[in-house]
Amino acid sequence: MKMNNTQTKPIVHQDLLDRCCWGDQQAQTEIYKLYYKAMYNTSLYITRNEAEAEDIMQEAFLKAFKLLPNTKMEAGFGGWLKKIVVNKSLDVLRKRKVHFEQVEEIKDSTIDSGTLEDTGESISEKVAKIKTAMKLLPEKYRVVLSMNLLEGYDHDEISSILGITASTSRAQLSRGKQKLIQLLN
């Protein structure tokens, strides 16, 4: 396994990535199987549209395989691919003319009143309620909340990707959490 020039750790799946650089379709299929679900979920959290998320994921893999031979992996393939997916997802939102500073009305909640605590619900039921509530959040809150809590981006990275300030990212995260709690209660 090869070592990355900028890291002391070996790159995960380096042998598959090397084969992908040479156009090995079997290696590309293996990489796809390893990463497709996480990339699909990333896009789905941002776009809230299954068909768009599927298209974005496919386009991201095609772009990644095309750019891979000329790209130096500094953060690993998964992180690099995730950035491609996030950027493509945000492009779709921009095409829909969604502006992150615009306030949307929250649609009628389908969540029953009451808290998630001590309701006797299973974990899967609680997760379903949280997912439903997140879909009801305004785009600007949902995107920042997803990028920070689910994808692990910090406020500087979010601000860079979304073209907002880090303080706006922090404010939108805080307000998004508050709205999510309101929806769940």
N, C-alpha and C. Protein backbone atom coordinates (compact mmCIF):
# COMPACT_ATOMS: atom_id res chain seq x y z
N MET A 1 0.85 -1.18 0.00
CA MET A 1 0.00 0.00 0.00
C MET A 1 0.89 1.24 0.00
N LYS A 2 0.58 2.18 -0.85
CA LYS A 2 1.40 3.39 -0.97
C LYS A 2 1.12 4.36 0.17
N MET A 3 2.09 5.17 0.44
CA MET A 3 1.94 6.21 1.47
C MET A 3 1.72 7.54 0.76
N ASN A 4 0.89 8.36 1.32
CA ASN A 4 0.66 9.70 0.80
C ASN A 4 1.87 10.56 1.18
N ASN A 5 2.28 11.43 0.27
CA ASN A 5 3.44 12.30 0.51
C ASN A 5 3.24 13.23 1.69
N THR A 6 2.01 13.68 1.93
CA THR A 6 1.76 14.65 2.98
C THR A 6 1.30 14.00 4.29
N GLN A 7 1.14 12.67 4.29
CA GLN A 7 0.67 11.99 5.49
C GLN A 7 1.61 10.83 5.80
N THR A 8 1.56 10.42 7.04
CA THR A 8 2.35 9.24 7.40
C THR A 8 1.48 7.99 7.38
N LYS A 9 0.17 8.14 7.28
CA LYS A 9 -0.74 7.01 7.23
C LYS A 9 -0.94 6.58 5.77
N PRO A 10 -1.14 5.29 5.55
CA PRO A 10 -1.46 4.86 4.18
C PRO A 10 -2.87 5.32 3.80
N ILE A 11 -3.09 5.56 2.52
CA ILE A 11 -4.40 5.95 2.04
C ILE A 11 -5.26 4.70 1.98
N VAL A 12 -6.46 4.80 2.53
CA VAL A 12 -7.38 3.67 2.55
C VAL A 12 -7.77 3.31 1.11
N HIS A 13 -7.75 2.05 0.79
CA HIS A 13 -8.13 1.54 -0.53
C HIS A 13 -7.20 2.03 -1.64
N GLN A 14 -5.94 2.28 -1.33
CA GLN A 14 -5.00 2.81 -2.32
C GLN A 14 -4.89 1.92 -3.54
N ASP A 15 -4.89 0.59 -3.33
CA ASP A 15 -4.77 -0.32 -4.47
C ASP A 15 -5.96 -0.18 -5.42
N LEU A 16 -7.17 -0.04 -4.86
CA LEU A 16 -8.35 0.16 -5.70
C LEU A 16 -8.30 1.51 -6.42
N LEU A 17 -7.86 2.53 -5.70
CA LEU A 17 -7.78 3.86 -6.30
C LEU A 17 -6.76 3.90 -7.43
N ASP A 18 -5.64 3.20 -7.24
CA ASP A 18 -4.64 3.13 -8.31
C ASP A 18 -5.23 2.46 -9.55
N ARG A 19 -5.98 1.40 -9.33
CA ARG A 19 -6.61 0.70 -10.45
C ARG A 19 -7.67 1.57 -11.11
N CYS A 20 -8.37 2.38 -10.32
CA CYS A 20 -9.37 3.30 -10.88
C CYS A 20 -8.71 4.32 -11.80
N CYS A 21 -7.53 4.76 -11.42
CA CYS A 21 -6.79 5.73 -12.24
C CYS A 21 -6.50 5.17 -13.63
N TRP A 22 -6.37 3.87 -13.72
CA TRP A 22 -6.09 3.21 -15.00
C TRP A 22 -7.37 2.80 -15.72
N GLY A 23 -8.52 3.20 -15.17
CA GLY A 23 -9.79 2.91 -15.83
C GLY A 23 -10.34 1.52 -15.57
N ASP A 24 -9.87 0.86 -14.54
CA ASP A 24 -10.33 -0.49 -14.19
C ASP A 24 -11.77 -0.41 -13.67
N GLN A 25 -12.72 -0.88 -14.47
CA GLN A 25 -14.13 -0.78 -14.11
C GLN A 25 -14.48 -1.63 -12.88
N GLN A 26 -13.82 -2.74 -12.70
CA GLN A 26 -14.07 -3.57 -11.52
C GLN A 26 -13.67 -2.82 -10.26
N ALA A 27 -12.54 -2.12 -10.29
CA ALA A 27 -12.09 -1.33 -9.15
C ALA A 27 -13.05 -0.16 -8.90
N GLN A 28 -13.52 0.47 -9.98
CA GLN A 28 -14.48 1.57 -9.84
C GLN A 28 -15.77 1.07 -9.20
N THR A 29 -16.19 -0.12 -9.59
CA THR A 29 -17.40 -0.71 -8.99
C THR A 29 -17.19 -0.96 -7.50
N GLU A 30 -16.02 -1.44 -7.13
CA GLU A 30 -15.73 -1.69 -5.71
C GLU A 30 -15.74 -0.39 -4.91
N ILE A 31 -15.10 0.63 -5.45
CA ILE A 31 -15.09 1.95 -4.77
C ILE A 31 -16.52 2.47 -4.65
N TYR A 32 -17.28 2.34 -5.72
CA TYR A 32 -18.68 2.78 -5.70
C TYR A 32 -19.44 2.07 -4.58
N LYS A 33 -19.29 0.76 -4.48
CA LYS A 33 -19.99 -0.01 -3.44
C LYS A 33 -19.59 0.43 -2.04
N LEU A 34 -18.35 0.84 -1.88
CA LEU A 34 -17.87 1.26 -0.56
C LEU A 34 -18.43 2.62 -0.13
N TYR A 35 -18.69 3.50 -1.10
CA TYR A 35 -19.02 4.88 -0.76
C TYR A 35 -20.41 5.36 -1.18
N TYR A 36 -21.14 4.60 -2.01
CA TYR A 36 -22.37 5.14 -2.58
C TYR A 36 -23.42 5.52 -1.55
N LYS A 37 -23.64 4.71 -0.54
CA LYS A 37 -24.71 4.97 0.43
C LYS A 37 -24.44 6.26 1.22
N ALA A 38 -23.23 6.43 1.67
CA ALA A 38 -22.89 7.64 2.43
C ALA A 38 -23.02 8.89 1.56
N MET A 39 -22.61 8.78 0.29
CA MET A 39 -22.68 9.94 -0.61
C MET A 39 -24.13 10.26 -0.97
N TYR A 40 -24.93 9.23 -1.15
CA TYR A 40 -26.35 9.43 -1.43
C TYR A 40 -27.02 10.13 -0.25
N ASN A 41 -26.76 9.65 0.96
CA ASN A 41 -27.34 10.26 2.16
C ASN A 41 -26.91 11.71 2.33
N THR A 42 -25.65 11.99 2.04
CA THR A 42 -25.16 13.37 2.12
C THR A 42 -25.96 14.27 1.20
N SER A 43 -26.12 13.85 -0.03
CA SER A 43 -26.87 14.65 -1.00
C SER A 43 -28.34 14.75 -0.64
N LEU A 44 -28.92 13.66 -0.17
CA LEU A 44 -30.33 13.66 0.20
C LEU A 44 -30.62 14.63 1.34
N TYR A 45 -29.73 14.70 2.33
CA TYR A 45 -29.92 15.65 3.43
C TYR A 45 -29.92 17.09 2.94
N ILE A 46 -29.16 17.36 1.89
CA ILE A 46 -29.06 18.73 1.38
C ILE A 46 -30.21 19.04 0.43
N THR A 47 -30.50 18.14 -0.50
CA THR A 47 -31.49 18.44 -1.54
C THR A 47 -32.91 18.09 -1.16
N ARG A 48 -33.08 17.15 -0.25
CA ARG A 48 -34.40 16.65 0.14
C ARG A 48 -35.16 16.06 -1.04
N ASN A 49 -34.44 15.53 -2.02
CA ASN A 49 -35.09 14.98 -3.20
C ASN A 49 -34.33 13.71 -3.59
N GLU A 50 -35.01 12.57 -3.53
CA GLU A 50 -34.35 11.29 -3.79
C GLU A 50 -33.78 11.19 -5.19
N ALA A 51 -34.56 11.61 -6.19
CA ALA A 51 -34.10 11.51 -7.58
C ALA A 51 -32.88 12.41 -7.81
N GLU A 52 -32.93 13.63 -7.28
CA GLU A 52 -31.78 14.53 -7.43
C GLU A 52 -30.56 13.99 -6.69
N ALA A 53 -30.77 13.44 -5.52
CA ALA A 53 -29.66 12.88 -4.75
C ALA A 53 -29.01 11.74 -5.51
N GLU A 54 -29.81 10.90 -6.13
CA GLU A 54 -29.29 9.78 -6.92
C GLU A 54 -28.47 10.31 -8.11
N ASP A 55 -29.01 11.30 -8.82
CA ASP A 55 -28.30 11.89 -9.97
C ASP A 55 -26.99 12.54 -9.53
N ILE A 56 -27.05 13.27 -8.44
CA ILE A 56 -25.86 13.95 -7.93
C ILE A 56 -24.78 12.94 -7.55
N MET A 57 -25.20 11.88 -6.89
CA MET A 57 -24.25 10.85 -6.49
C MET A 57 -23.57 10.25 -7.72
N GLN A 58 -24.35 9.93 -8.74
CA GLN A 58 -23.79 9.35 -9.96
C GLN A 58 -22.81 10.32 -10.63
N GLU A 59 -23.21 11.59 -10.75
CA GLU A 59 -22.34 12.60 -11.36
C GLU A 59 -21.06 12.79 -10.56
N ALA A 60 -21.18 12.73 -9.24
CA ALA A 60 -20.00 12.91 -8.38
C ALA A 60 -19.00 11.78 -8.59
N PHE A 61 -19.49 10.55 -8.69
CA PHE A 61 -18.58 9.42 -8.94
C PHE A 61 -17.92 9.55 -10.31
N LEU A 62 -18.69 9.94 -11.32
CA LEU A 62 -18.11 10.10 -12.65
C LEU A 62 -17.01 11.17 -12.64
N LYS A 63 -17.31 12.29 -11.98
CA LYS A 63 -16.32 13.36 -11.88
C LYS A 63 -15.10 12.89 -11.11
N ALA A 64 -15.32 12.20 -10.01
CA ALA A 64 -14.20 11.72 -9.18
C ALA A 64 -13.30 10.77 -9.98
N PHE A 65 -13.90 9.83 -10.69
CA PHE A 65 -13.09 8.88 -11.46
C PHE A 65 -12.33 9.59 -12.59
N LYS A 66 -12.92 10.64 -13.13
CA LYS A 66 -12.26 11.40 -14.20
C LYS A 66 -11.07 12.20 -13.64
N LEU A 67 -11.26 12.82 -12.47
CA LEU A 67 -10.24 13.69 -11.88
C LEU A 67 -9.20 12.93 -11.06
N LEU A 68 -9.52 11.71 -10.66
CA LEU A 68 -8.67 10.95 -9.76
C LEU A 68 -7.20 10.85 -10.19
N PRO A 69 -6.89 10.58 -11.47
CA PRO A 69 -5.48 10.43 -11.84
C PRO A 69 -4.64 11.70 -11.61
N ASN A 70 -5.27 12.87 -11.62
CA ASN A 70 -4.54 14.12 -11.47
C ASN A 70 -4.74 14.78 -10.12
N THR A 71 -5.26 14.04 -9.15
CA THR A 71 -5.56 14.60 -7.84
C THR A 71 -4.66 13.99 -6.78
N LYS A 72 -4.11 14.86 -5.93
CA LYS A 72 -3.32 14.38 -4.79
C LYS A 72 -4.26 14.22 -3.61
N MET A 73 -4.31 13.05 -3.05
CA MET A 73 -5.18 12.77 -1.90
C MET A 73 -4.51 13.27 -0.63
N GLU A 74 -5.06 14.33 -0.08
CA GLU A 74 -4.52 14.85 1.18
C GLU A 74 -5.40 14.45 2.36
N ALA A 75 -6.71 14.41 2.13
CA ALA A 75 -7.64 14.08 3.22
C ALA A 75 -8.27 12.72 3.02
N GLY A 76 -7.87 12.00 2.01
CA GLY A 76 -8.47 10.70 1.74
C GLY A 76 -9.56 10.81 0.69
N PHE A 77 -9.83 9.70 0.03
CA PHE A 77 -10.79 9.68 -1.06
C PHE A 77 -12.20 10.03 -0.59
N GLY A 78 -12.63 9.46 0.54
CA GLY A 78 -13.99 9.70 1.03
C GLY A 78 -14.27 11.17 1.30
N GLY A 79 -13.35 11.86 1.93
CA GLY A 79 -13.52 13.28 2.21
C GLY A 79 -13.54 14.10 0.93
N TRP A 80 -12.68 13.74 -0.01
CA TRP A 80 -12.62 14.44 -1.29
C TRP A 80 -13.92 14.22 -2.08
N LEU A 81 -14.40 12.98 -2.11
CA LEU A 81 -15.64 12.67 -2.81
C LEU A 81 -16.82 13.38 -2.15
N LYS A 82 -16.83 13.44 -0.82
CA LYS A 82 -17.92 14.11 -0.11
C LYS A 82 -17.98 15.59 -0.47
N LYS A 83 -16.81 16.23 -0.64
CA LYS A 83 -16.80 17.64 -1.05
C LYS A 83 -17.42 17.81 -2.43
N ILE A 84 -17.13 16.88 -3.32
CA ILE A 84 -17.73 16.93 -4.66
C ILE A 84 -19.25 16.81 -4.55
N VAL A 85 -19.73 15.86 -3.74
CA VAL A 85 -21.16 15.63 -3.56
C VAL A 85 -21.83 16.87 -2.95
N VAL A 86 -21.23 17.43 -1.91
CA VAL A 86 -21.80 18.62 -1.27
C VAL A 86 -21.88 19.77 -2.26
N ASN A 87 -20.80 20.01 -3.00
CA ASN A 87 -20.81 21.11 -3.97
C ASN A 87 -21.84 20.90 -5.07
N LYS A 88 -21.97 19.68 -5.57
CA LYS A 88 -22.98 19.39 -6.60
C LYS A 88 -24.38 19.56 -6.02
N SER A 89 -24.59 19.15 -4.78
CA SER A 89 -25.90 19.31 -4.14
C SER A 89 -26.25 20.78 -3.97
N LEU A 90 -25.27 21.56 -3.58
CA LEU A 90 -25.51 23.00 -3.42
C LEU A 90 -25.76 23.67 -4.77
N ASP A 91 -25.11 23.19 -5.81
CA ASP A 91 -25.38 23.70 -7.16
C ASP A 91 -26.84 23.46 -7.55
N VAL A 92 -27.37 22.30 -7.20
CA VAL A 92 -28.77 22.00 -7.49
C VAL A 92 -29.68 22.97 -6.75
N LEU A 93 -29.36 23.25 -5.49
CA LEU A 93 -30.17 24.21 -4.73
C LEU A 93 -30.10 25.59 -5.37
N ARG A 94 -28.92 25.98 -5.82
CA ARG A 94 -28.79 27.29 -6.48
C ARG A 94 -29.61 27.34 -7.76
N LYS A 95 -29.62 26.24 -8.49
CA LYS A 95 -30.41 26.18 -9.72
C LYS A 95 -31.89 26.31 -9.43
N ARG A 96 -32.31 25.85 -8.28
CA ARG A 96 -33.70 26.01 -7.86
C ARG A 96 -33.96 27.43 -7.36
N LYS A 97 -32.92 28.24 -7.44
CA LYS A 97 -32.98 29.64 -6.98
C LYS A 97 -33.29 29.74 -5.50
N VAL A 98 -32.71 28.81 -4.75
CA VAL A 98 -32.85 28.86 -3.30
C VAL A 98 -31.74 29.76 -2.78
N HIS A 99 -32.08 30.73 -2.00
CA HIS A 99 -31.12 31.63 -1.40
C HIS A 99 -31.04 31.32 0.09
N PHE A 100 -29.82 31.12 0.56
CA PHE A 100 -29.64 30.69 1.94
C PHE A 100 -30.03 31.77 2.95
N GLU A 101 -30.12 33.02 2.53
CA GLU A 101 -30.50 34.08 3.46
C GLU A 101 -32.01 34.31 3.50
N GLN A 102 -32.74 33.65 2.63
CA GLN A 102 -34.19 33.82 2.54
C GLN A 102 -34.88 32.96 3.59
N VAL A 103 -35.86 33.51 4.26
CA VAL A 103 -36.58 32.76 5.29
C VAL A 103 -37.78 32.08 4.64
N GLU A 104 -37.93 30.77 4.92
CA GLU A 104 -39.07 30.02 4.42
C GLU A 104 -40.04 29.78 5.57
N GLU A 105 -41.29 29.64 5.22
CA GLU A 105 -42.27 29.28 6.24
C GLU A 105 -42.14 27.79 6.53
N ILE A 106 -42.33 27.45 7.78
CA ILE A 106 -42.28 26.04 8.15
C ILE A 106 -43.65 25.44 7.83
N LYS A 107 -43.60 24.33 7.08
CA LYS A 107 -44.85 23.67 6.69
C LYS A 107 -45.47 22.97 7.90
N ASP A 108 -46.74 22.65 7.76
CA ASP A 108 -47.43 21.95 8.86
C ASP A 108 -46.65 20.72 9.27
N SER A 109 -46.45 20.59 10.53
CA SER A 109 -45.68 19.47 11.05
C SER A 109 -46.57 18.22 11.12
N THR A 110 -45.97 17.10 10.71
CA THR A 110 -46.69 15.83 10.81
C THR A 110 -46.28 15.08 12.07
N ILE A 111 -45.48 15.76 12.89
CA ILE A 111 -44.99 15.12 14.11
C ILE A 111 -46.01 15.34 15.23
N ASP A 112 -46.33 14.29 15.94
CA ASP A 112 -47.24 14.39 17.08
C ASP A 112 -46.62 15.28 18.14
N SER A 113 -47.45 15.95 18.89
CA SER A 113 -46.91 16.76 19.98
C SER A 113 -46.38 15.85 21.07
N GLY A 114 -45.52 16.38 21.89
CA GLY A 114 -44.87 15.59 22.93
C GLY A 114 -43.39 15.47 22.62
N THR A 115 -42.63 15.11 23.61
CA THR A 115 -41.20 15.00 23.41
C THR A 115 -40.84 13.59 22.98
N LEU A 116 -39.60 13.43 22.59
CA LEU A 116 -39.12 12.11 22.22
C LEU A 116 -38.74 11.29 23.44
N GLU A 117 -38.65 11.92 24.59
CA GLU A 117 -38.26 11.20 25.80
C GLU A 117 -39.46 10.48 26.41
N ASP A 118 -39.20 9.33 26.94
CA ASP A 118 -40.19 8.57 27.70
C ASP A 118 -41.50 8.36 26.96
N THR A 119 -41.46 8.19 25.66
CA THR A 119 -42.68 7.95 24.90
C THR A 119 -42.84 6.48 24.56
N GLY A 120 -41.82 5.69 24.88
CA GLY A 120 -41.88 4.27 24.57
C GLY A 120 -41.61 3.98 23.10
N GLU A 121 -41.15 4.98 22.37
CA GLU A 121 -40.87 4.80 20.95
C GLU A 121 -39.55 4.05 20.77
N SER A 122 -39.47 3.32 19.68
CA SER A 122 -38.21 2.66 19.35
C SER A 122 -37.24 3.69 18.80
N ILE A 123 -35.98 3.32 18.74
CA ILE A 123 -34.97 4.22 18.19
C ILE A 123 -35.29 4.56 16.75
N SER A 124 -35.73 3.59 15.98
CA SER A 124 -36.04 3.85 14.57
C SER A 124 -37.21 4.83 14.43
N GLU A 125 -38.17 4.77 15.33
CA GLU A 125 -39.27 5.73 15.31
C GLU A 125 -38.78 7.13 15.65
N LYS A 126 -37.87 7.22 16.63
CA LYS A 126 -37.30 8.52 17.00
C LYS A 126 -36.48 9.09 15.85
N VAL A 127 -35.69 8.26 15.20
CA VAL A 127 -34.88 8.71 14.06
C VAL A 127 -35.79 9.19 12.94
N ALA A 128 -36.88 8.47 12.69
CA ALA A 128 -37.83 8.87 11.64
C ALA A 128 -38.42 10.24 11.95
N LYS A 129 -38.75 10.49 13.22
CA LYS A 129 -39.30 11.79 13.60
C LYS A 129 -38.27 12.90 13.40
N ILE A 130 -37.03 12.63 13.75
CA ILE A 130 -35.98 13.63 13.58
C ILE A 130 -35.78 13.92 12.10
N LYS A 131 -35.75 12.88 11.26
CA LYS A 131 -35.59 13.07 9.82
C LYS A 131 -36.75 13.89 9.26
N THR A 132 -37.96 13.57 9.69
CA THR A 132 -39.14 14.31 9.23
C THR A 132 -39.03 15.77 9.65
N ALA A 133 -38.64 16.00 10.89
CA ALA A 133 -38.51 17.37 11.38
C ALA A 133 -37.42 18.13 10.62
N MET A 134 -36.32 17.46 10.32
CA MET A 134 -35.24 18.13 9.58
C MET A 134 -35.70 18.55 8.19
N LYS A 135 -36.55 17.74 7.58
CA LYS A 135 -37.07 18.09 6.25
C LYS A 135 -37.93 19.34 6.29
N LEU A 136 -38.50 19.62 7.45
CA LEU A 136 -39.37 20.79 7.60
C LEU A 136 -38.61 22.08 7.89
N LEU A 137 -37.34 21.96 8.21
CA LEU A 137 -36.53 23.14 8.50
C LEU A 137 -36.33 23.98 7.24
N PRO A 138 -36.23 25.30 7.39
CA PRO A 138 -35.86 26.12 6.24
C PRO A 138 -34.50 25.68 5.69
N GLU A 139 -34.32 25.80 4.38
CA GLU A 139 -33.10 25.34 3.71
C GLU A 139 -31.84 25.80 4.42
N LYS A 140 -31.77 27.10 4.75
CA LYS A 140 -30.53 27.63 5.31
C LYS A 140 -30.16 26.95 6.62
N TYR A 141 -31.14 26.61 7.43
CA TYR A 141 -30.87 25.94 8.69
C TYR A 141 -30.56 24.46 8.46
N ARG A 142 -31.36 23.82 7.62
CA ARG A 142 -31.20 22.39 7.37
C ARG A 142 -29.83 22.08 6.77
N VAL A 143 -29.39 22.90 5.82
CA VAL A 143 -28.11 22.64 5.16
C VAL A 143 -26.96 22.79 6.15
N VAL A 144 -26.95 23.87 6.92
CA VAL A 144 -25.87 24.09 7.89
C VAL A 144 -25.91 23.02 8.98
N LEU A 145 -27.11 22.68 9.45
CA LEU A 145 -27.26 21.65 10.48
C LEU A 145 -26.73 20.31 9.96
N SER A 146 -27.11 19.94 8.75
CA SER A 146 -26.65 18.68 8.17
C SER A 146 -25.13 18.66 7.98
N MET A 147 -24.60 19.76 7.45
CA MET A 147 -23.16 19.80 7.18
C MET A 147 -22.36 19.73 8.48
N ASN A 148 -22.84 20.38 9.54
CA ASN A 148 -22.10 20.40 10.79
C ASN A 148 -22.30 19.13 11.59
N LEU A 149 -23.53 18.77 11.87
CA LEU A 149 -23.80 17.65 12.76
C LEU A 149 -23.65 16.29 12.09
N LEU A 150 -24.09 16.18 10.84
CA LEU A 150 -24.07 14.89 10.18
C LEU A 150 -22.80 14.64 9.38
N GLU A 151 -22.27 15.70 8.77
CA GLU A 151 -21.10 15.53 7.91
C GLU A 151 -19.79 15.92 8.59
N GLY A 152 -19.88 16.63 9.72
CA GLY A 152 -18.68 16.95 10.48
C GLY A 152 -17.89 18.16 10.01
N TYR A 153 -18.48 18.99 9.15
CA TYR A 153 -17.78 20.19 8.71
C TYR A 153 -17.77 21.22 9.83
N ASP A 154 -16.66 21.97 9.96
CA ASP A 154 -16.63 23.05 10.95
C ASP A 154 -17.16 24.32 10.28
N HIS A 155 -17.30 25.39 11.05
CA HIS A 155 -17.93 26.61 10.55
C HIS A 155 -17.09 27.29 9.46
N ASP A 156 -15.78 27.18 9.54
CA ASP A 156 -14.94 27.76 8.48
C ASP A 156 -15.16 27.03 7.16
N GLU A 157 -15.24 25.70 7.21
CA GLU A 157 -15.48 24.92 5.99
C GLU A 157 -16.88 25.21 5.44
N ILE A 158 -17.87 25.28 6.30
CA ILE A 158 -19.24 25.57 5.87
C ILE A 158 -19.30 26.95 5.23
N SER A 159 -18.65 27.93 5.86
CA SER A 159 -18.69 29.28 5.31
C SER A 159 -18.04 29.34 3.94
N SER A 160 -16.97 28.61 3.78
CA SER A 160 -16.28 28.57 2.49
C SER A 160 -17.15 27.93 1.41
N ILE A 161 -17.77 26.82 1.73
CA ILE A 161 -18.60 26.09 0.76
C ILE A 161 -19.86 26.88 0.40
N LEU A 162 -20.52 27.45 1.40
CA LEU A 162 -21.79 28.14 1.17
C LEU A 162 -21.65 29.61 0.80
N GLY A 163 -20.45 30.15 0.96
CA GLY A 163 -20.25 31.56 0.66
C GLY A 163 -20.89 32.48 1.69
N ILE A 164 -20.87 32.06 2.95
CA ILE A 164 -21.38 32.87 4.05
C ILE A 164 -20.26 33.03 5.06
N THR A 165 -20.44 33.90 6.04
CA THR A 165 -19.42 34.06 7.06
C THR A 165 -19.52 32.94 8.09
N ALA A 166 -18.44 32.71 8.81
CA ALA A 166 -18.44 31.69 9.86
C ALA A 166 -19.44 32.04 10.95
N SER A 167 -19.59 33.33 11.25
CA SER A 167 -20.56 33.73 12.27
C SER A 167 -21.99 33.48 11.80
N THR A 168 -22.25 33.65 10.51
CA THR A 168 -23.57 33.33 9.97
C THR A 168 -23.82 31.83 10.07
N SER A 169 -22.80 31.04 9.79
CA SER A 169 -22.90 29.58 9.92
C SER A 169 -23.25 29.19 11.36
N ARG A 170 -22.55 29.79 12.32
CA ARG A 170 -22.82 29.49 13.73
C ARG A 170 -24.25 29.89 14.11
N ALA A 171 -24.68 31.06 13.64
CA ALA A 171 -26.03 31.54 13.96
C ALA A 171 -27.09 30.63 13.35
N GLN A 172 -26.87 30.22 12.10
CA GLN A 172 -27.84 29.36 11.44
C GLN A 172 -27.88 27.98 12.09
N LEU A 173 -26.74 27.50 12.55
CA LEU A 173 -26.70 26.22 13.27
C LEU A 173 -27.50 26.33 14.57
N SER A 174 -27.28 27.38 15.31
CA SER A 174 -27.97 27.58 16.58
C SER A 174 -29.48 27.70 16.36
N ARG A 175 -29.87 28.52 15.39
CA ARG A 175 -31.30 28.70 15.11
C ARG A 175 -31.91 27.42 14.57
N GLY A 176 -31.14 26.69 13.75
CA GLY A 176 -31.63 25.42 13.22
C GLY A 176 -31.88 24.41 14.32
N LYS A 177 -30.97 24.35 15.30
CA LYS A 177 -31.16 23.44 16.44
C LYS A 177 -32.43 23.83 17.22
N GLN A 178 -32.61 25.14 17.43
CA GLN A 178 -33.77 25.61 18.18
C GLN A 178 -35.06 25.25 17.45
N LYS A 179 -35.09 25.46 16.13
CA LYS A 179 -36.28 25.14 15.35
C LYS A 179 -36.55 23.64 15.35
N LEU A 180 -35.49 22.86 15.26
CA LEU A 180 -35.63 21.41 15.28
C LEU A 180 -36.23 20.95 16.61
N ILE A 181 -35.75 21.52 17.69
CA ILE A 181 -36.29 21.19 19.02
C ILE A 181 -37.76 21.59 19.11
N GLN A 182 -38.09 22.77 18.57
CA GLN A 182 -39.51 23.20 18.56
C GLN A 182 -40.38 22.22 17.78
N LEU A 183 -39.88 21.79 16.64
CA LEU A 183 -40.66 20.85 15.82
C LEU A 183 -40.84 19.50 16.52
N LEU A 184 -39.81 19.08 17.22
CA LEU A 184 -39.88 17.80 17.91
C LEU A 184 -40.76 17.85 19.15
N ASN A 185 -40.88 19.04 19.75
CA ASN A 185 -41.73 19.20 20.91
C ASN A 185 -43.13 19.51 20.47
